[in-house]
Every structure is written in C-alpha cells, then in structure tokens.
Amino acid sequence: MRYPRSKLPASPTGTADEAPESVIKDAVGNVLADGDTVIVIKNLKVKGNPTPIKVGTKVRNIRLVDGVDGHDIDCKVDGFGSMQLKSSVVKKA
C-alpha cells in the first residue's frame, strides 16, 4: 500500500540514551567489524623497534575502539605485540 508523503507511518526511533554507532571503513572503503582480518598497506614505524611493520602483514581478530589521534583499531600484531592502528593504513582481507 502506498501512502501519501504526509500520511507515512511513524518510523520507530531509538531512545535519547542510545548513541549513533559510527561506521569505521578501511583505506579502500570496506566497512570493518570486530573480529575481521586486515592487511597492512604501508610500512609502519614502531617506536622502540628497529624494524617496521611491513606491507602485507596480516592482522587477525581486530577490535574497533574509540582511540586517540584516529587510532580506531586495537589488535595484536605477530612479532610486535598489542597496539592500535588507524583504519586508513589497513584493508580488509
């Protein structure tokens, strides 16, 4: 059944306590979710470590967070340990 614009049924709205969920996208534009596997697309220097995280490094089981300075992925990188990454330097695998 088609309704005139002024007679559309009211859509359900959330309560004022609910914050709108932000969508985090990778460098290519794919939407990321908790538990995804991503691939690093550029060399990343790590403080205190002489070798960078190299292009093509797979990072498994990411967790999306509200980090500092745009770091919105919390993860563990093999050989480097726990760290936060920016979504602009990864792509979904």
Protein backbone atom coordinates (compact mmCIF):
# COMPACT_ATOMS: atom_id res chain seq x y z
CA MET A 1 0.00 0.00 0.00
CA ARG A 2 1.34 3.41 -0.92
CA TYR A 3 0.92 6.31 1.45
CA PRO A 4 0.96 9.97 0.57
CA ARG A 5 4.06 11.68 1.96
CA SER A 6 2.14 13.40 4.73
CA LYS A 7 0.47 10.15 5.84
CA LEU A 8 3.54 7.92 6.19
CA PRO A 9 3.50 5.75 9.30
CA ALA A 10 5.89 6.89 12.01
CA SER A 11 9.21 5.07 11.97
CA PRO A 12 10.48 3.61 15.24
CA THR A 13 13.11 5.80 16.84
CA GLY A 14 15.67 4.95 19.50
CA THR A 15 15.77 6.47 22.94
CA ALA A 16 17.89 9.51 23.72
CA ASP A 17 20.38 7.31 25.64
CA GLU A 18 21.46 5.43 22.51
CA ALA A 19 24.43 6.95 20.69
CA PRO A 20 24.55 6.52 16.91
CA GLU A 21 27.04 3.80 16.04
CA SER A 22 29.90 5.12 13.94
CA VAL A 23 30.95 3.18 10.89
CA ILE A 24 34.69 2.55 10.53
CA LYS A 25 35.97 1.95 7.00
CA ASP A 26 39.35 0.76 5.77
CA ALA A 27 41.56 2.55 3.23
CA VAL A 28 39.57 1.10 0.32
CA GLY A 29 36.14 1.90 1.76
CA ASN A 30 35.08 -1.50 3.11
CA VAL A 31 33.21 -1.43 6.42
CA LEU A 32 35.19 -3.04 9.27
CA ALA A 33 33.73 -5.06 12.15
CA ASP A 34 35.08 -6.67 15.32
CA GLY A 35 36.89 -9.93 14.59
CA ASP A 36 37.83 -9.10 10.99
CA THR A 37 41.22 -9.84 9.48
CA VAL A 38 43.02 -6.91 7.86
CA ILE A 39 46.23 -6.41 5.88
CA VAL A 40 48.64 -3.51 6.43
CA ILE A 41 49.03 -1.48 3.20
CA LYS A 42 52.11 0.60 4.08
CA ASN A 43 55.24 0.21 6.21
CA LEU A 44 54.62 1.41 9.77
CA LYS A 45 57.44 2.57 12.02
CA VAL A 46 57.09 1.32 15.60
CA LYS A 47 58.66 3.25 18.47
CA GLY A 48 61.33 1.24 20.25
CA ASN A 49 61.62 -1.34 17.48
CA PRO A 50 64.28 -1.12 14.74
CA THR A 51 62.14 -2.90 12.13
CA PRO A 52 58.81 -1.58 10.81
CA ILE A 53 55.57 -3.49 10.34
CA LYS A 54 55.87 -4.40 6.67
CA VAL A 55 53.35 -4.11 3.87
CA GLY A 56 51.21 -7.24 3.60
CA THR A 57 51.31 -8.15 7.29
CA LYS A 58 48.05 -9.86 8.27
CA VAL A 59 46.41 -8.77 11.49
CA ARG A 60 43.73 -11.13 12.75
CA ASN A 61 40.83 -10.61 15.14
CA ILE A 62 40.74 -6.81 15.29
CA ARG A 63 38.65 -4.87 17.79
CA LEU A 64 37.17 -1.46 16.95
CA VAL A 65 37.64 1.21 19.62
CA ASP A 66 37.47 4.98 20.06
CA GLY A 67 41.18 5.58 20.25
CA VAL A 68 43.42 8.62 20.43
CA ASP A 69 44.52 10.55 17.31
CA GLY A 70 42.42 8.48 14.91
CA HIS A 71 43.71 5.10 16.08
CA ASP A 72 40.48 3.13 15.90
CA ILE A 73 41.69 -0.50 15.67
CA ASP A 74 43.00 -2.39 18.69
CA CYS A 75 44.90 -5.56 17.76
CA LYS A 76 47.88 -7.84 18.31
CA VAL A 77 50.49 -7.93 15.56
CA ASP A 78 52.68 -11.04 15.41
CA GLY A 79 56.21 -10.16 16.46
CA PHE A 80 55.24 -6.68 17.73
CA GLY A 81 52.56 -7.30 20.36
CA SER A 82 49.47 -5.33 21.23
CA MET A 83 48.93 -1.96 19.56
CA GLN A 84 46.44 0.41 18.00
CA LEU A 85 46.29 1.13 14.27
CA LYS A 86 44.50 3.65 12.10
CA SER A 87 41.90 2.29 9.72
CA SER A 88 43.48 4.35 6.91
CA VAL A 89 46.56 2.07 6.82
CA VAL A 90 44.75 -1.27 6.52
CA LYS A 91 42.45 -3.03 4.08
CA LYS A 92 40.04 -5.86 4.77
CA ALA A 93 41.38 -9.29 3.86
